[in-house]
Amino acid sequence: MLQHIIPSKARRKILEFFFHRPGENFYLRRVVREINEEVNAVKRELDILTEEKLLLRERRLNKVYFSINKSYQLYDEFLRIFSKTNKLSASIRNNLSKIGKIKFVALSTKYPKNLPIKDDEIYLILVGIVVVVEIESIIKEVEKEFGRPINYSAMTEDEFAFRKKNNDPFIWKFLKQPKIMLVGVEEELLK
């Protein structure tokens, strides 16, 4: 999907790897092993991304560790792009026809940032005719890797419109926070 925009396969894989694990640090050999690319190509790309200040470099004892620079000016934009390639997003996209007739799928940016949410918050909202058994199966599979429950809400278009119109605080709390559209257009979701 991104090969025409980011022609370097190693760079795409490195960016995806780091943006899927935004709070973690990795040393060169681990990155090489995880993305399955040649060590020289990975080192070159890590150097480029560090020079650009998208990655931070830190020396600890005899190893150099790399991590995402969350202060990088395009961090949020890259996060949105690579959120569409994480396991949850890819599973939803690949199984869309099984999930039902979906008009909107929106993902809170708290999910790719791996931030905990409160009991009255959700990571994901699905609007349309949703086959709950299918989405539950996807969620359960992804939760194993995510390490905690992935709260979500599924509702019909009529229910969603009714709850929005009546200023349901649960719905509006989600709609007001930063989100990533996996299906549909955000302006239509909000109107």
N, C-alpha and C. Protein backbone atom coordinates (compact mmCIF):
# COMPACT_ATOMS: atom_id res chain seq x y z
N MET A 1 0.82 -1.20 0.00
CA MET A 1 0.00 0.00 0.00
C MET A 1 0.87 1.27 0.00
N LEU A 2 1.98 1.24 0.73
CA LEU A 2 2.83 2.44 0.83
C LEU A 2 4.06 2.38 -0.07
N GLN A 3 4.22 1.32 -0.87
CA GLN A 3 5.45 1.15 -1.62
C GLN A 3 5.71 2.26 -2.64
N HIS A 4 4.68 2.93 -3.12
CA HIS A 4 4.89 4.01 -4.08
C HIS A 4 5.24 5.33 -3.38
N ILE A 5 4.83 5.46 -2.15
CA ILE A 5 5.10 6.69 -1.39
C ILE A 5 6.44 6.60 -0.66
N ILE A 6 6.70 5.43 -0.07
CA ILE A 6 7.98 5.18 0.62
C ILE A 6 8.64 4.01 -0.11
N PRO A 7 9.45 4.30 -1.14
CA PRO A 7 9.98 3.24 -2.00
C PRO A 7 10.92 2.25 -1.29
N SER A 8 11.60 2.67 -0.23
CA SER A 8 12.52 1.77 0.47
C SER A 8 11.72 0.78 1.32
N LYS A 9 11.82 -0.50 0.93
CA LYS A 9 11.10 -1.55 1.67
C LYS A 9 11.58 -1.62 3.12
N ALA A 10 12.89 -1.52 3.33
CA ALA A 10 13.44 -1.57 4.68
C ALA A 10 12.91 -0.41 5.52
N ARG A 11 12.83 0.78 4.92
CA ARG A 11 12.34 1.95 5.67
C ARG A 11 10.86 1.77 6.03
N ARG A 12 10.06 1.29 5.09
CA ARG A 12 8.63 1.04 5.38
C ARG A 12 8.49 0.07 6.54
N LYS A 13 9.25 -1.01 6.49
CA LYS A 13 9.16 -2.03 7.54
C LYS A 13 9.62 -1.48 8.89
N ILE A 14 10.67 -0.68 8.87
CA ILE A 14 11.17 -0.08 10.12
C ILE A 14 10.13 0.87 10.70
N LEU A 15 9.59 1.74 9.87
CA LEU A 15 8.57 2.68 10.35
C LEU A 15 7.36 1.94 10.91
N GLU A 16 6.90 0.96 10.19
CA GLU A 16 5.76 0.17 10.65
C GLU A 16 6.09 -0.51 11.98
N PHE A 17 7.25 -1.10 12.07
CA PHE A 17 7.68 -1.78 13.29
C PHE A 17 7.67 -0.83 14.49
N PHE A 18 8.27 0.34 14.33
CA PHE A 18 8.35 1.29 15.44
C PHE A 18 6.99 1.92 15.77
N PHE A 19 6.19 2.24 14.75
CA PHE A 19 4.89 2.86 15.03
C PHE A 19 3.88 1.88 15.58
N HIS A 20 4.12 0.59 15.41
CA HIS A 20 3.24 -0.40 16.04
C HIS A 20 3.64 -0.64 17.49
N ARG A 21 4.80 -0.11 17.91
CA ARG A 21 5.30 -0.26 19.28
C ARG A 21 5.87 1.09 19.74
N PRO A 22 5.03 2.12 19.83
CA PRO A 22 5.55 3.48 20.04
C PRO A 22 6.27 3.73 21.36
N GLY A 23 6.07 2.94 22.36
CA GLY A 23 6.71 3.21 23.65
C GLY A 23 7.92 2.35 23.92
N GLU A 24 8.39 1.60 22.92
CA GLU A 24 9.46 0.64 23.17
C GLU A 24 10.76 1.06 22.50
N ASN A 25 11.87 0.50 23.01
CA ASN A 25 13.21 0.73 22.48
C ASN A 25 13.74 -0.57 21.90
N PHE A 26 14.50 -0.48 20.81
CA PHE A 26 15.03 -1.68 20.18
C PHE A 26 16.46 -1.43 19.73
N TYR A 27 17.29 -2.45 19.82
CA TYR A 27 18.66 -2.35 19.31
C TYR A 27 18.69 -2.92 17.89
N LEU A 28 19.75 -2.61 17.18
CA LEU A 28 19.88 -2.93 15.75
C LEU A 28 19.55 -4.38 15.42
N ARG A 29 20.17 -5.32 16.09
CA ARG A 29 19.98 -6.74 15.76
C ARG A 29 18.53 -7.17 15.95
N ARG A 30 17.87 -6.62 16.94
CA ARG A 30 16.45 -6.96 17.16
C ARG A 30 15.59 -6.44 16.01
N VAL A 31 15.88 -5.22 15.55
CA VAL A 31 15.13 -4.65 14.42
C VAL A 31 15.37 -5.51 13.18
N VAL A 32 16.62 -5.89 12.93
CA VAL A 32 16.97 -6.74 11.79
C VAL A 32 16.18 -8.04 11.85
N ARG A 33 16.17 -8.66 13.02
CA ARG A 33 15.48 -9.94 13.19
C ARG A 33 13.97 -9.79 12.98
N GLU A 34 13.39 -8.74 13.55
CA GLU A 34 11.94 -8.53 13.49
C GLU A 34 11.44 -8.22 12.08
N ILE A 35 12.19 -7.40 11.33
CA ILE A 35 11.70 -7.01 10.00
C ILE A 35 12.27 -7.88 8.89
N ASN A 36 13.24 -8.74 9.23
CA ASN A 36 13.80 -9.70 8.27
C ASN A 36 14.40 -9.01 7.03
N GLU A 37 15.28 -8.06 7.28
CA GLU A 37 16.02 -7.38 6.21
C GLU A 37 17.50 -7.44 6.53
N GLU A 38 18.32 -7.15 5.54
CA GLU A 38 19.78 -7.18 5.69
C GLU A 38 20.24 -6.14 6.71
N VAL A 39 21.24 -6.49 7.50
CA VAL A 39 21.72 -5.62 8.57
C VAL A 39 22.20 -4.27 8.02
N ASN A 40 22.90 -4.26 6.89
CA ASN A 40 23.41 -3.00 6.34
C ASN A 40 22.28 -2.08 5.90
N ALA A 41 21.24 -2.66 5.29
CA ALA A 41 20.09 -1.85 4.87
C ALA A 41 19.37 -1.27 6.09
N VAL A 42 19.22 -2.08 7.13
CA VAL A 42 18.54 -1.60 8.35
C VAL A 42 19.36 -0.51 9.02
N LYS A 43 20.68 -0.73 9.12
CA LYS A 43 21.54 0.29 9.75
C LYS A 43 21.47 1.61 8.99
N ARG A 44 21.54 1.53 7.66
CA ARG A 44 21.46 2.74 6.83
C ARG A 44 20.14 3.48 7.07
N GLU A 45 19.04 2.74 7.09
CA GLU A 45 17.72 3.38 7.28
C GLU A 45 17.57 3.93 8.70
N LEU A 46 18.08 3.22 9.68
CA LEU A 46 18.04 3.74 11.06
C LEU A 46 18.84 5.03 11.16
N ASP A 47 19.99 5.08 10.50
CA ASP A 47 20.80 6.30 10.50
C ASP A 47 20.04 7.46 9.85
N ILE A 48 19.39 7.20 8.71
CA ILE A 48 18.62 8.24 8.02
C ILE A 48 17.48 8.74 8.91
N LEU A 49 16.74 7.82 9.52
CA LEU A 49 15.60 8.20 10.35
C LEU A 49 16.04 8.90 11.64
N THR A 50 17.22 8.54 12.13
CA THR A 50 17.77 9.22 13.31
C THR A 50 18.23 10.63 12.94
N GLU A 51 18.89 10.75 11.79
CA GLU A 51 19.33 12.07 11.33
C GLU A 51 18.14 12.99 11.11
N GLU A 52 17.04 12.43 10.61
CA GLU A 52 15.81 13.21 10.40
C GLU A 52 15.11 13.53 11.72
N LYS A 53 15.54 12.87 12.80
CA LYS A 53 15.00 13.05 14.15
C LYS A 53 13.65 12.37 14.36
N LEU A 54 13.27 11.47 13.45
CA LEU A 54 12.05 10.68 13.63
C LEU A 54 12.31 9.57 14.65
N LEU A 55 13.55 9.07 14.66
CA LEU A 55 13.95 8.09 15.67
C LEU A 55 14.97 8.73 16.59
N LEU A 56 14.96 8.29 17.83
CA LEU A 56 15.96 8.72 18.81
C LEU A 56 16.96 7.58 19.00
N ARG A 57 18.22 7.93 19.20
CA ARG A 57 19.28 6.94 19.40
C ARG A 57 19.82 7.14 20.82
N GLU A 58 19.99 6.01 21.53
CA GLU A 58 20.51 6.08 22.90
C GLU A 58 21.48 4.93 23.11
N ARG A 59 22.66 5.26 23.59
CA ARG A 59 23.68 4.22 23.85
C ARG A 59 23.54 3.76 25.30
N ARG A 60 23.44 2.43 25.46
CA ARG A 60 23.39 1.82 26.79
C ARG A 60 24.42 0.69 26.82
N LEU A 61 25.40 0.85 27.68
CA LEU A 61 26.51 -0.11 27.75
C LEU A 61 27.09 -0.33 26.36
N ASN A 62 26.99 -1.54 25.82
CA ASN A 62 27.60 -1.80 24.52
C ASN A 62 26.58 -1.87 23.38
N LYS A 63 25.35 -1.42 23.61
CA LYS A 63 24.32 -1.46 22.57
C LYS A 63 23.75 -0.07 22.34
N VAL A 64 23.30 0.15 21.10
CA VAL A 64 22.62 1.39 20.75
C VAL A 64 21.15 1.05 20.55
N TYR A 65 20.30 1.77 21.26
CA TYR A 65 18.85 1.54 21.19
C TYR A 65 18.18 2.67 20.41
N PHE A 66 17.13 2.31 19.71
CA PHE A 66 16.36 3.27 18.92
C PHE A 66 14.91 3.27 19.40
N SER A 67 14.29 4.44 19.35
CA SER A 67 12.88 4.56 19.71
C SER A 67 12.26 5.69 18.89
N ILE A 68 10.95 5.70 18.85
CA ILE A 68 10.21 6.76 18.13
C ILE A 68 10.34 8.06 18.89
N ASN A 69 10.54 9.14 18.18
CA ASN A 69 10.56 10.48 18.77
C ASN A 69 9.13 11.02 18.72
N LYS A 70 8.45 10.97 19.84
CA LYS A 70 7.05 11.41 19.90
C LYS A 70 6.92 12.92 19.75
N SER A 71 8.02 13.64 19.80
CA SER A 71 8.01 15.08 19.59
C SER A 71 8.26 15.47 18.14
N TYR A 72 8.52 14.49 17.30
CA TYR A 72 8.76 14.75 15.88
C TYR A 72 7.53 15.44 15.30
N GLN A 73 7.74 16.46 14.47
CA GLN A 73 6.62 17.28 14.02
C GLN A 73 5.56 16.53 13.22
N LEU A 74 5.92 15.43 12.57
CA LEU A 74 4.94 14.64 11.81
C LEU A 74 4.57 13.33 12.51
N TYR A 75 4.85 13.24 13.81
CA TYR A 75 4.57 12.01 14.56
C TYR A 75 3.11 11.59 14.44
N ASP A 76 2.18 12.49 14.70
CA ASP A 76 0.76 12.13 14.66
C ASP A 76 0.31 11.69 13.27
N GLU A 77 0.84 12.33 12.25
CA GLU A 77 0.48 11.96 10.88
C GLU A 77 0.98 10.56 10.54
N PHE A 78 2.24 10.27 10.90
CA PHE A 78 2.77 8.93 10.68
C PHE A 78 2.00 7.89 11.50
N LEU A 79 1.66 8.26 12.73
CA LEU A 79 0.90 7.35 13.59
C LEU A 79 -0.42 6.97 12.93
N ARG A 80 -1.10 7.96 12.36
CA ARG A 80 -2.37 7.69 11.67
C ARG A 80 -2.17 6.76 10.47
N ILE A 81 -1.12 6.99 9.71
CA ILE A 81 -0.85 6.15 8.55
C ILE A 81 -0.57 4.71 8.98
N PHE A 82 0.35 4.53 9.91
CA PHE A 82 0.74 3.18 10.29
C PHE A 82 -0.27 2.50 11.21
N SER A 83 -1.23 3.25 11.74
CA SER A 83 -2.33 2.64 12.49
C SER A 83 -3.22 1.83 11.57
N LYS A 84 -3.21 2.18 10.31
CA LYS A 84 -4.05 1.46 9.35
C LYS A 84 -3.41 0.15 8.91
N THR A 85 -2.19 -0.12 9.37
CA THR A 85 -1.53 -1.38 9.02
C THR A 85 -1.34 -2.28 10.23
N ASN A 86 -1.80 -1.85 11.43
CA ASN A 86 -1.63 -2.71 12.60
C ASN A 86 -2.57 -3.91 12.52
N LYS A 87 -2.40 -4.85 13.43
CA LYS A 87 -3.13 -6.11 13.36
C LYS A 87 -4.65 -5.90 13.43
N LEU A 88 -5.11 -5.03 14.29
CA LEU A 88 -6.56 -4.78 14.42
C LEU A 88 -7.12 -4.20 13.14
N SER A 89 -6.49 -3.16 12.63
CA SER A 89 -6.97 -2.50 11.41
C SER A 89 -6.94 -3.45 10.22
N ALA A 90 -5.85 -4.18 10.07
CA ALA A 90 -5.72 -5.12 8.95
C ALA A 90 -6.76 -6.23 9.05
N SER A 91 -7.00 -6.73 10.25
CA SER A 91 -7.99 -7.79 10.44
C SER A 91 -9.39 -7.30 10.09
N ILE A 92 -9.71 -6.08 10.49
CA ILE A 92 -11.02 -5.51 10.16
C ILE A 92 -11.14 -5.34 8.65
N ARG A 93 -10.13 -4.74 8.04
CA ARG A 93 -10.16 -4.49 6.59
C ARG A 93 -10.26 -5.81 5.81
N ASN A 94 -9.50 -6.82 6.20
CA ASN A 94 -9.48 -8.10 5.49
C ASN A 94 -10.76 -8.91 5.68
N ASN A 95 -11.51 -8.61 6.73
CA ASN A 95 -12.73 -9.37 7.02
C ASN A 95 -13.98 -8.51 6.95
N LEU A 96 -13.91 -7.39 6.28
CA LEU A 96 -15.02 -6.45 6.24
C LEU A 96 -16.32 -7.10 5.75
N SER A 97 -16.25 -7.93 4.74
CA SER A 97 -17.48 -8.55 4.23
C SER A 97 -18.09 -9.51 5.25
N LYS A 98 -17.27 -10.16 6.08
CA LYS A 98 -17.78 -11.06 7.13
C LYS A 98 -18.37 -10.27 8.30
N ILE A 99 -17.79 -9.08 8.56
CA ILE A 99 -18.23 -8.28 9.70
C ILE A 99 -19.63 -7.72 9.48
N GLY A 100 -19.98 -7.49 8.24
CA GLY A 100 -21.33 -7.00 7.94
C GLY A 100 -21.30 -5.88 6.93
N LYS A 101 -22.39 -5.13 6.91
CA LYS A 101 -22.49 -3.97 6.01
C LYS A 101 -22.15 -2.74 6.85
N ILE A 102 -20.92 -2.34 6.78
CA ILE A 102 -20.38 -1.33 7.69
C ILE A 102 -20.28 0.02 6.98
N LYS A 103 -20.78 1.06 7.65
CA LYS A 103 -20.69 2.42 7.11
C LYS A 103 -19.47 3.14 7.68
N PHE A 104 -19.23 2.96 8.99
CA PHE A 104 -18.10 3.62 9.64
C PHE A 104 -17.38 2.66 10.59
N VAL A 105 -16.07 2.76 10.59
CA VAL A 105 -15.24 2.16 11.63
C VAL A 105 -14.23 3.23 12.00
N ALA A 106 -14.25 3.62 13.26
CA ALA A 106 -13.32 4.66 13.74
C ALA A 106 -12.54 4.09 14.92
N LEU A 107 -11.26 4.37 14.94
CA LEU A 107 -10.35 3.88 15.95
C LEU A 107 -9.78 5.07 16.72
N SER A 108 -9.88 5.02 18.04
CA SER A 108 -9.30 6.08 18.86
C SER A 108 -7.78 6.05 18.72
N THR A 109 -7.15 7.21 18.72
CA THR A 109 -5.68 7.24 18.64
C THR A 109 -5.05 6.69 19.92
N LYS A 110 -5.86 6.49 20.96
CA LYS A 110 -5.33 5.88 22.18
C LYS A 110 -4.92 4.43 21.93
N TYR A 111 -5.55 3.78 20.94
CA TYR A 111 -5.20 2.38 20.66
C TYR A 111 -3.78 2.27 20.09
N PRO A 112 -3.45 2.95 18.99
CA PRO A 112 -2.08 2.79 18.47
C PRO A 112 -1.02 3.36 19.40
N LYS A 113 -1.40 4.28 20.27
CA LYS A 113 -0.44 4.81 21.24
C LYS A 113 -0.32 3.89 22.44
N ASN A 114 -1.17 2.84 22.47
CA ASN A 114 -1.17 1.85 23.54
C ASN A 114 -1.45 2.49 24.90
N LEU A 115 -2.37 3.46 24.91
CA LEU A 115 -2.74 4.14 26.14
C LEU A 115 -3.95 3.46 26.78
N PRO A 116 -3.94 3.30 28.10
CA PRO A 116 -5.12 2.73 28.75
C PRO A 116 -6.29 3.69 28.66
N ILE A 117 -7.50 3.14 28.71
CA ILE A 117 -8.70 3.97 28.68
C ILE A 117 -9.52 3.73 29.94
N LYS A 118 -10.43 4.65 30.21
CA LYS A 118 -11.31 4.51 31.37
C LYS A 118 -12.43 3.53 31.05
N ASP A 119 -13.14 3.11 32.08
CA ASP A 119 -14.23 2.14 31.89
C ASP A 119 -15.32 2.63 30.95
N ASP A 120 -15.53 3.95 30.91
CA ASP A 120 -16.60 4.49 30.07
C ASP A 120 -16.09 4.93 28.69
N GLU A 121 -14.90 4.47 28.30
CA GLU A 121 -14.33 4.83 27.00
C GLU A 121 -14.20 3.58 26.14
N ILE A 122 -14.06 3.83 24.83
CA ILE A 122 -13.86 2.73 23.88
C ILE A 122 -12.69 3.06 22.96
N TYR A 123 -12.10 2.01 22.41
CA TYR A 123 -11.04 2.17 21.43
C TYR A 123 -11.60 2.22 20.00
N LEU A 124 -12.77 1.61 19.80
CA LEU A 124 -13.25 1.36 18.46
C LEU A 124 -14.76 1.49 18.41
N ILE A 125 -15.27 2.11 17.34
CA ILE A 125 -16.71 2.17 17.12
C ILE A 125 -17.00 1.68 15.71
N LEU A 126 -18.03 0.84 15.60
CA LEU A 126 -18.47 0.32 14.31
C LEU A 126 -19.92 0.71 14.12
N VAL A 127 -20.25 1.27 12.97
CA VAL A 127 -21.61 1.71 12.68
C VAL A 127 -22.06 1.03 11.40
N GLY A 128 -23.24 0.41 11.48
CA GLY A 128 -23.81 -0.29 10.32
C GLY A 128 -24.49 -1.56 10.79
N ILE A 129 -24.65 -2.50 9.89
CA ILE A 129 -25.19 -3.80 10.25
C ILE A 129 -23.99 -4.68 10.57
N VAL A 130 -23.77 -4.91 11.86
CA VAL A 130 -22.56 -5.56 12.34
C VAL A 130 -22.86 -6.99 12.78
N VAL A 131 -22.07 -7.94 12.26
CA VAL A 131 -22.15 -9.32 12.71
C VAL A 131 -21.24 -9.40 13.94
N VAL A 132 -21.84 -9.30 15.12
CA VAL A 132 -21.10 -9.16 16.37
C VAL A 132 -20.16 -10.34 16.60
N VAL A 133 -20.59 -11.56 16.26
CA VAL A 133 -19.74 -12.74 16.45
C VAL A 133 -18.42 -12.60 15.70
N GLU A 134 -18.48 -12.03 14.49
CA GLU A 134 -17.26 -11.88 13.67
C GLU A 134 -16.32 -10.83 14.27
N ILE A 135 -16.86 -9.69 14.68
CA ILE A 135 -15.99 -8.65 15.25
C ILE A 135 -15.44 -9.10 16.60
N GLU A 136 -16.23 -9.83 17.38
CA GLU A 136 -15.74 -10.36 18.67
C GLU A 136 -14.58 -11.31 18.45
N SER A 137 -14.65 -12.13 17.42
CA SER A 137 -13.58 -13.07 17.11
C SER A 137 -12.29 -12.32 16.78
N ILE A 138 -12.40 -11.28 15.98
CA ILE A 138 -11.23 -10.45 15.63
C ILE A 138 -10.66 -9.78 16.87
N ILE A 139 -11.54 -9.18 17.67
CA ILE A 139 -11.10 -8.47 18.88
C ILE A 139 -10.38 -9.43 19.83
N LYS A 140 -10.95 -10.60 20.07
CA LYS A 140 -10.33 -11.58 20.98
C LYS A 140 -8.93 -11.98 20.51
N GLU A 141 -8.77 -12.16 19.21
CA GLU A 141 -7.47 -12.54 18.66
C GLU A 141 -6.44 -11.42 18.86
N VAL A 142 -6.85 -10.19 18.61
CA VAL A 142 -5.93 -9.05 18.72
C VAL A 142 -5.62 -8.74 20.19
N GLU A 143 -6.58 -8.97 21.08
CA GLU A 143 -6.37 -8.71 22.51
C GLU A 143 -5.21 -9.51 23.08
N LYS A 144 -4.98 -10.71 22.55
CA LYS A 144 -3.87 -11.54 23.03
C LYS A 144 -2.54 -10.80 22.89
N GLU A 145 -2.36 -10.14 21.76
CA GLU A 145 -1.12 -9.39 21.50
C GLU A 145 -1.14 -8.03 22.21
N PHE A 146 -2.32 -7.40 22.25
CA PHE A 146 -2.45 -6.06 22.82
C PHE A 146 -2.23 -6.07 24.34
N GLY A 147 -2.63 -7.16 25.00
CA GLY A 147 -2.36 -7.29 26.42
C GLY A 147 -3.43 -6.78 27.36
N ARG A 148 -4.50 -6.24 26.83
CA ARG A 148 -5.62 -5.81 27.67
C ARG A 148 -6.88 -5.77 26.81
N PRO A 149 -8.05 -5.66 27.45
CA PRO A 149 -9.30 -5.65 26.66
C PRO A 149 -9.36 -4.47 25.68
N ILE A 150 -9.94 -4.74 24.53
CA ILE A 150 -10.17 -3.69 23.53
C ILE A 150 -11.66 -3.38 23.56
N ASN A 151 -12.01 -2.35 24.33
CA ASN A 151 -13.41 -1.96 24.42
C ASN A 151 -13.86 -1.37 23.09
N TYR A 152 -15.05 -1.79 22.66
CA TYR A 152 -15.59 -1.28 21.40
C TYR A 152 -17.10 -1.18 21.52
N SER A 153 -17.69 -0.50 20.55
CA SER A 153 -19.14 -0.39 20.50
C SER A 153 -19.58 -0.58 19.05
N ALA A 154 -20.63 -1.38 18.87
CA ALA A 154 -21.19 -1.61 17.54
C ALA A 154 -22.66 -1.22 17.58
N MET A 155 -23.11 -0.46 16.58
CA MET A 155 -24.50 -0.03 16.55
C MET A 155 -24.96 0.20 15.12
N THR A 156 -26.26 0.21 14.95
CA THR A 156 -26.82 0.47 13.63
C THR A 156 -26.70 1.96 13.32
N GLU A 157 -26.90 2.30 12.06
CA GLU A 157 -26.86 3.72 11.66
C GLU A 157 -27.96 4.51 12.37
N ASP A 158 -29.15 3.91 12.50
CA ASP A 158 -30.26 4.60 13.17
C ASP A 158 -29.96 4.86 14.63
N GLU A 159 -29.42 3.85 15.32
CA GLU A 159 -29.08 4.02 16.73
C GLU A 159 -28.00 5.08 16.89
N PHE A 160 -27.00 5.04 16.02
CA PHE A 160 -25.91 6.00 16.08
C PHE A 160 -26.45 7.42 15.87
N ALA A 161 -27.30 7.61 14.85
CA ALA A 161 -27.88 8.93 14.56
C ALA A 161 -28.73 9.40 15.74
N PHE A 162 -29.51 8.51 16.32
CA PHE A 162 -30.37 8.86 17.45
C PHE A 162 -29.52 9.29 18.65
N ARG A 163 -28.48 8.52 18.95
CA ARG A 163 -27.63 8.83 20.11
C ARG A 163 -26.85 10.13 19.90
N LYS A 164 -26.41 10.37 18.67
CA LYS A 164 -25.72 11.64 18.37
C LYS A 164 -26.68 12.81 18.54
N LYS A 165 -27.87 12.68 17.95
CA LYS A 165 -28.87 13.75 17.97
C LYS A 165 -29.28 14.10 19.41
N ASN A 166 -29.34 13.08 20.26
CA ASN A 166 -29.75 13.29 21.65
C ASN A 166 -28.58 13.53 22.59
N ASN A 167 -27.44 13.89 22.00
CA ASN A 167 -26.24 14.26 22.78
C ASN A 167 -25.82 13.21 23.80
N ASP A 168 -25.84 11.96 23.38
CA ASP A 168 -25.38 10.87 24.24
C ASP A 168 -23.91 11.14 24.61
N PRO A 169 -23.61 11.31 25.91
CA PRO A 169 -22.23 11.65 26.31
C PRO A 169 -21.22 10.57 25.93
N PHE A 170 -21.63 9.32 25.93
CA PHE A 170 -20.74 8.22 25.56
C PHE A 170 -20.26 8.38 24.12
N ILE A 171 -21.21 8.64 23.23
CA ILE A 171 -20.90 8.80 21.80
C ILE A 171 -20.07 10.06 21.58
N TRP A 172 -20.50 11.16 22.16
CA TRP A 172 -19.81 12.42 21.91
C TRP A 172 -18.41 12.46 22.52
N LYS A 173 -18.22 11.74 23.62
CA LYS A 173 -16.87 11.67 24.21
C LYS A 173 -15.92 11.02 23.20
N PHE A 174 -16.38 9.96 22.54
CA PHE A 174 -15.55 9.29 21.54
C PHE A 174 -15.35 10.18 20.31
N LEU A 175 -16.42 10.81 19.84
CA LEU A 175 -16.34 11.61 18.61
C LEU A 175 -15.46 12.84 18.76
N LYS A 176 -15.36 13.38 19.98
CA LYS A 176 -14.57 14.59 20.19
C LYS A 176 -13.07 14.31 20.31
N GLN A 177 -12.71 13.06 20.56
CA GLN A 177 -11.28 12.76 20.71
C GLN A 177 -10.66 12.45 19.34
N PRO A 178 -9.34 12.54 19.24
CA PRO A 178 -8.68 12.21 17.96
C PRO A 178 -8.95 10.76 17.57
N LYS A 179 -9.25 10.56 16.29
CA LYS A 179 -9.58 9.22 15.82
C LYS A 179 -9.02 8.99 14.44
N ILE A 180 -8.99 7.72 14.06
CA ILE A 180 -8.50 7.31 12.75
C ILE A 180 -9.65 6.56 12.08
N MET A 181 -10.01 7.01 10.90
CA MET A 181 -11.10 6.36 10.18
C MET A 181 -10.56 5.16 9.40
N LEU A 182 -11.09 3.99 9.71
CA LEU A 182 -10.72 2.78 8.99
C LEU A 182 -11.71 2.51 7.86
N VAL A 183 -12.95 2.93 8.08
CA VAL A 183 -14.01 2.82 7.06
C VAL A 183 -14.83 4.10 7.15
N GLY A 184 -15.10 4.70 6.03
CA GLY A 184 -15.92 5.91 6.01
C GLY A 184 -15.09 7.18 6.13
N VAL A 185 -15.80 8.30 6.09
CA VAL A 185 -15.18 9.62 6.13
C VAL A 185 -15.56 10.31 7.43
N GLU A 186 -14.57 10.91 8.10
CA GLU A 186 -14.80 11.51 9.42
C GLU A 186 -15.86 12.61 9.38
N GLU A 187 -15.87 13.44 8.33
CA GLU A 187 -16.86 14.51 8.27
C GLU A 187 -18.28 13.96 8.27
N GLU A 188 -18.50 12.83 7.58
CA GLU A 188 -19.82 12.20 7.57
C GLU A 188 -20.15 11.58 8.91
N LEU A 189 -19.16 11.03 9.57
CA LEU A 189 -19.36 10.44 10.91
C LEU A 189 -19.83 11.51 11.89
N LEU A 190 -19.27 12.70 11.76
CA LEU A 190 -19.56 13.78 12.72
C LEU A 190 -20.82 14.57 12.42
N LYS A 191 -21.29 14.55 11.16
CA LYS A 191 -22.44 15.41 10.85
C LYS A 191 -23.76 14.84 11.33
